[in-house]
Amino acid sequence: MNLYRAAWGIDTLERLALGTSPMHRLHPRAKLLTTCGYVVTVISFPSQQLSGLMPFLLYPAVLMSLSGTPYKPLLGRLLAALPFALMGGLSNLFLLSETALYLGPWPVSMGMVSLASILLKTLLTVLGVLLLIATTPFFEISRQLTQLGMPKILNLQLLMTYRYISLLLAEAAAMVTAYSLRSPAQKGIKMQDMGCFLGQLILRSFDRAERVYHAMQCRGFDGMYRGTGQRRFRFLDYGYTLGLGIAFGVCRCFNLSVFLGSFIG
């Protein structure tokens, strides 16, 4: 069933984060800061400067190679984000109709360039965040966010939502299975039954959340997650963060694609 596959798929990146590659062994804060710098740098490009984004394709490609992350789990989640970017950029096709360049005899409008830029930015930023989650356990990311100043209550809500959304999907899948067994000839849930279905899902979610909370209290939970130990920031972590930060700054200030094209030409 699709809901069961969705619940299982949410944990895929969490399982990948338990690897032992060189990327996995880096300090979580180094990877978090680098990802934030990468996302901010990519977003800062003007919508018409499409060629300047090309060097940033190397970052996810190299990280996937070094960490051994398979591309299929990432692409599946990336495809879910692209339609939203596509709908957000379609209006530029009509608002920006002036010609930006020519590909042979065919003119390319500013709207087309802007749309391509939005899609490429979405691809790069989503891949960057997914690679962070695929190489770093989410609990470590949450702990680093707290140490960097994120409000603890907001961080707790983020961690709990990420951790237990799979339980909500499993509850919904069990209800869909029960509904299908009682109506074997029915495809999907009838619209007149949808209100009752959602109401029961909310009640079951409240009950499951109560049981989860009591189980956490029995294990000593007092409102804060506490890790086992802190990893030290090594020289390699400093070099990784500083080196990539400088590389992102150089790629942002200088259009390396144009420079290399003119140099090769």
Protein backbone atom coordinates (compact mmCIF):
# COMPACT_ATOMS: atom_id res chain seq x y z
CA MET A 1 0.00 0.00 0.00
CA ASN A 2 1.20 3.52 -0.81
CA LEU A 3 0.90 4.79 2.76
CA TYR A 4 3.01 1.94 4.07
CA ARG A 5 5.64 2.66 1.42
CA ALA A 6 5.56 6.34 2.36
CA ALA A 7 6.02 5.52 6.06
CA TRP A 8 8.93 3.23 5.20
CA GLY A 9 10.41 5.76 2.78
CA ILE A 10 10.60 8.50 5.43
CA ASP A 11 13.10 6.38 7.38
CA THR A 12 15.28 5.72 4.33
CA LEU A 13 17.47 8.80 4.77
CA GLU A 14 17.69 8.14 8.51
CA ARG A 15 19.10 4.69 7.79
CA LEU A 16 21.53 6.12 5.25
CA ALA A 17 22.76 8.58 7.91
CA LEU A 18 24.20 5.66 9.90
CA GLY A 19 26.92 5.03 7.32
CA THR A 20 30.68 5.14 7.92
CA SER A 21 31.96 7.10 4.89
CA PRO A 22 34.30 10.09 5.25
CA MET A 23 31.28 12.39 4.90
CA HIS A 24 29.47 10.60 7.72
CA ARG A 25 32.49 10.97 10.01
CA LEU A 26 32.62 14.76 9.66
CA HIS A 27 31.33 16.82 12.59
CA PRO A 28 27.56 17.50 12.29
CA ARG A 29 28.06 21.22 12.81
CA ALA A 30 30.53 21.40 9.91
CA LYS A 31 28.00 19.78 7.58
CA LEU A 32 25.14 21.92 8.91
CA LEU A 33 27.02 25.20 8.47
CA THR A 34 28.26 24.19 5.04
CA THR A 35 24.75 23.27 3.90
CA CYS A 36 23.34 26.55 5.19
CA GLY A 37 26.07 28.48 3.37
CA TYR A 38 25.43 26.51 0.20
CA VAL A 39 21.66 27.12 0.29
CA VAL A 40 22.04 30.84 1.02
CA THR A 41 24.63 31.28 -1.74
CA VAL A 42 22.50 29.49 -4.34
CA ILE A 43 19.39 31.48 -3.42
CA SER A 44 21.29 34.78 -3.59
CA PHE A 45 21.86 34.52 -7.35
CA PRO A 46 19.65 36.75 -9.52
CA SER A 47 17.07 34.88 -11.51
CA GLN A 48 18.69 35.88 -14.83
CA GLN A 49 22.17 34.64 -13.88
CA LEU A 50 21.66 30.99 -14.78
CA SER A 51 25.23 30.24 -15.83
CA GLY A 52 26.58 31.23 -12.40
CA LEU A 53 24.72 28.32 -10.80
CA MET A 54 26.47 25.67 -12.88
CA PRO A 55 29.56 25.22 -10.64
CA PHE A 56 27.24 24.49 -7.69
CA LEU A 57 26.19 21.25 -9.36
CA LEU A 58 29.57 19.85 -8.28
CA TYR A 59 28.69 20.05 -4.57
CA PRO A 60 25.86 17.47 -4.49
CA ALA A 61 27.62 15.30 -7.09
CA VAL A 62 30.85 15.10 -5.07
CA LEU A 63 29.00 14.59 -1.78
CA MET A 64 26.94 11.74 -3.20
CA SER A 65 30.14 10.10 -4.44
CA LEU A 66 32.08 10.53 -1.16
CA SER A 67 29.19 9.43 1.06
CA GLY A 68 28.02 6.56 -1.13
CA THR A 69 24.47 7.92 -1.10
CA PRO A 70 22.28 6.30 -3.78
CA TYR A 71 20.57 8.70 -6.11
CA LYS A 72 17.14 7.05 -6.21
CA PRO A 73 15.97 8.04 -2.66
CA LEU A 74 17.10 11.61 -3.31
CA LEU A 75 15.52 11.92 -6.74
CA GLY A 76 12.21 10.57 -5.47
CA ARG A 77 12.01 13.32 -2.86
CA LEU A 78 13.34 15.92 -5.28
CA LEU A 79 10.55 15.21 -7.77
CA ALA A 80 8.02 16.01 -5.05
CA ALA A 81 9.43 19.55 -4.72
CA LEU A 82 9.87 20.43 -8.39
CA PRO A 83 6.13 20.85 -9.24
CA PHE A 84 5.85 23.62 -6.63
CA ALA A 85 8.83 25.43 -8.14
CA LEU A 86 7.39 24.91 -11.62
CA MET A 87 4.05 26.46 -10.65
CA GLY A 88 5.85 29.37 -8.99
CA GLY A 89 7.91 30.13 -12.08
CA LEU A 90 5.33 29.66 -14.84
CA SER A 91 4.04 33.21 -14.42
CA ASN A 92 7.47 34.54 -15.44
CA LEU A 93 6.91 33.18 -18.94
CA PHE A 94 4.16 35.78 -19.39
CA LEU A 95 5.52 38.62 -17.26
CA LEU A 96 9.08 38.58 -18.68
CA SER A 97 8.61 38.28 -22.42
CA GLU A 98 11.67 40.25 -23.61
CA THR A 99 14.38 38.26 -25.38
CA ALA A 100 17.40 37.33 -23.27
CA LEU A 101 19.46 35.38 -25.83
CA TYR A 102 19.24 33.30 -28.97
CA LEU A 103 19.84 29.58 -29.31
CA GLY A 104 20.55 29.48 -33.00
CA PRO A 105 17.49 31.00 -34.70
CA TRP A 106 15.22 30.52 -31.66
CA PRO A 107 14.84 33.38 -29.16
CA VAL A 108 14.87 32.62 -25.44
CA SER A 109 12.87 35.01 -23.30
CA MET A 110 13.81 36.30 -19.87
CA GLY A 111 10.85 34.35 -18.49
CA MET A 112 12.31 31.07 -19.75
CA VAL A 113 15.68 31.88 -18.21
CA SER A 114 13.99 32.82 -14.92
CA LEU A 115 11.94 29.62 -14.89
CA ALA A 116 15.03 27.50 -15.55
CA SER A 117 16.86 29.38 -12.77
CA ILE A 118 14.05 28.71 -10.27
CA LEU A 119 13.98 25.00 -11.13
CA LEU A 120 17.77 24.72 -10.89
CA LYS A 121 17.84 26.55 -7.55
CA THR A 122 15.17 24.21 -6.22
CA LEU A 123 17.11 21.18 -7.41
CA LEU A 124 20.37 22.39 -5.83
CA THR A 125 18.95 23.50 -2.47
CA VAL A 126 16.73 20.45 -1.96
CA LEU A 127 19.60 18.12 -2.88
CA GLY A 128 21.88 19.94 -0.45
CA VAL A 129 19.43 19.53 2.44
CA LEU A 130 18.66 15.90 1.56
CA LEU A 131 22.38 15.09 1.52
CA LEU A 132 22.74 16.66 4.95
CA ILE A 133 19.98 14.42 6.31
CA ALA A 134 21.39 11.39 4.46
CA THR A 135 24.84 11.82 6.05
CA THR A 136 23.89 13.12 9.51
CA PRO A 137 21.38 11.63 11.98
CA PHE A 138 18.52 14.04 12.49
CA PHE A 139 19.08 14.02 16.25
CA GLU A 140 22.60 15.37 15.69
CA ILE A 141 21.24 18.10 13.42
CA SER A 142 18.69 19.01 16.08
CA ARG A 143 21.34 19.19 18.79
CA GLN A 144 23.54 21.44 16.68
CA LEU A 145 20.60 23.75 15.97
CA THR A 146 20.01 24.09 19.71
CA GLN A 147 23.66 24.90 20.34
CA LEU A 148 23.58 27.50 17.57
CA GLY A 149 20.71 29.35 19.30
CA MET A 150 17.50 27.85 17.95
CA PRO A 151 14.68 28.01 20.59
CA LYS A 152 14.49 24.67 22.39
CA ILE A 153 10.71 24.36 22.17
CA LEU A 154 10.78 24.94 18.40
CA ASN A 155 13.62 22.48 18.01
CA LEU A 156 11.70 19.88 20.03
CA GLN A 157 8.62 20.32 17.84
CA LEU A 158 10.73 19.92 14.71
CA LEU A 159 12.39 16.76 16.02
CA MET A 160 9.13 15.19 17.23
CA THR A 161 7.37 15.95 13.93
CA TYR A 162 10.17 14.39 11.91
CA ARG A 163 10.43 11.37 14.18
CA TYR A 164 6.75 10.47 14.48
CA ILE A 165 5.22 11.43 11.15
CA SER A 166 5.87 7.84 10.06
CA LEU A 167 3.65 6.66 12.92
CA LEU A 168 0.83 8.87 11.66
CA LEU A 169 1.20 7.42 8.17
CA ALA A 170 1.17 3.89 9.62
CA GLU A 171 -2.06 4.65 11.51
CA ALA A 172 -3.65 6.02 8.34
CA ALA A 173 -2.51 2.97 6.37
CA ALA A 174 -4.03 0.61 8.94
CA MET A 175 -7.35 2.48 8.74
CA VAL A 176 -7.32 2.36 4.92
CA THR A 177 -6.68 -1.39 5.09
CA ALA A 178 -9.59 -1.87 7.49
CA TYR A 179 -11.85 0.21 5.25
CA SER A 180 -10.85 -1.81 2.18
CA LEU A 181 -11.58 -5.12 3.93
CA ARG A 182 -15.08 -3.90 4.76
CA SER A 183 -15.65 -2.59 1.22
CA PRO A 184 -13.67 -4.88 -1.11
CA ALA A 185 -15.38 -3.56 -4.26
CA GLN A 186 -14.72 0.08 -3.36
CA LYS A 187 -11.65 1.81 -4.81
CA GLY A 188 -10.45 4.34 -2.30
CA ILE A 189 -12.54 6.04 0.37
CA LYS A 190 -15.95 7.43 -0.46
CA MET A 191 -16.30 11.17 -0.11
CA GLN A 192 -19.21 10.81 2.32
CA ASP A 193 -16.99 8.66 4.56
CA MET A 194 -14.00 10.99 4.42
CA GLY A 195 -15.11 13.17 7.34
CA CYS A 196 -15.59 10.18 9.62
CA PHE A 197 -12.27 8.72 8.44
CA LEU A 198 -10.32 11.90 9.20
CA GLY A 199 -12.05 12.29 12.56
CA GLN A 200 -11.11 8.77 13.56
CA LEU A 201 -7.56 9.36 12.37
CA ILE A 202 -7.29 12.42 14.62
CA LEU A 203 -8.65 10.50 17.62
CA ARG A 204 -6.28 7.58 16.98
CA SER A 205 -3.39 10.04 16.62
CA PHE A 206 -4.21 11.64 19.98
CA ASP A 207 -4.35 8.21 21.60
CA ARG A 208 -1.06 7.13 20.01
CA ALA A 209 0.63 10.39 21.00
CA GLU A 210 -0.52 9.90 24.61
CA ARG A 211 0.90 6.38 24.70
CA VAL A 212 4.17 7.52 23.13
CA TYR A 213 4.48 10.35 25.67
CA HIS A 214 3.87 8.01 28.63
CA ALA A 215 6.49 5.61 27.23
CA MET A 216 8.96 8.48 26.96
CA GLN A 217 8.23 9.57 30.54
CA CYS A 218 8.90 6.03 31.75
CA ARG A 219 12.33 6.35 30.16
CA GLY A 220 13.07 9.63 31.96
CA PHE A 221 11.99 12.17 29.33
CA ASP A 222 11.51 15.62 30.92
CA GLY A 223 11.00 17.78 27.85
CA MET A 224 14.55 17.68 26.50
CA TYR A 225 16.50 15.15 24.46
CA ARG A 226 19.97 14.47 25.79
CA GLY A 227 22.70 12.88 23.74
CA THR A 228 25.37 10.50 24.95
CA GLY A 229 28.41 12.65 24.20
CA GLN A 230 29.78 15.60 22.28
CA ARG A 231 32.15 15.18 19.36
CA ARG A 232 35.07 17.55 19.17
CA PHE A 233 35.53 19.86 16.21
CA ARG A 234 38.69 18.56 14.53
CA PHE A 235 41.14 20.24 12.19
CA LEU A 236 39.54 18.39 9.26
CA ASP A 237 36.15 19.82 10.20
CA TYR A 238 37.55 23.35 10.29
CA GLY A 239 39.21 22.80 6.91
CA TYR A 240 36.03 21.39 5.37
CA THR A 241 33.87 24.28 6.59
CA LEU A 242 36.37 27.03 5.74
CA GLY A 243 37.39 25.54 2.40
CA LEU A 244 33.86 25.12 1.10
CA GLY A 245 32.87 28.52 2.46
CA ILE A 246 35.66 30.15 0.46
CA ALA A 247 34.74 28.11 -2.62
CA PHE A 248 31.10 29.18 -2.39
CA GLY A 249 32.16 32.82 -2.01
CA VAL A 250 34.45 32.66 -5.06
CA CYS A 251 31.73 31.01 -7.18
CA ARG A 252 29.27 33.68 -6.05
CA CYS A 253 31.50 36.64 -6.80
CA PHE A 254 32.91 35.36 -10.09
CA ASN A 255 30.99 33.64 -12.86
CA LEU A 256 33.32 30.70 -13.33
CA SER A 257 31.23 29.22 -16.15
CA VAL A 258 31.79 32.28 -18.34
CA PHE A 259 35.46 32.46 -17.36
CA LEU A 260 36.14 28.80 -18.19
CA GLY A 261 34.16 29.07 -21.42
CA SER A 262 36.21 32.04 -22.60
CA PHE A 263 39.44 30.38 -21.46
CA ILE A 264 38.72 27.14 -23.34
CA GLY A 265 37.50 29.07 -26.36
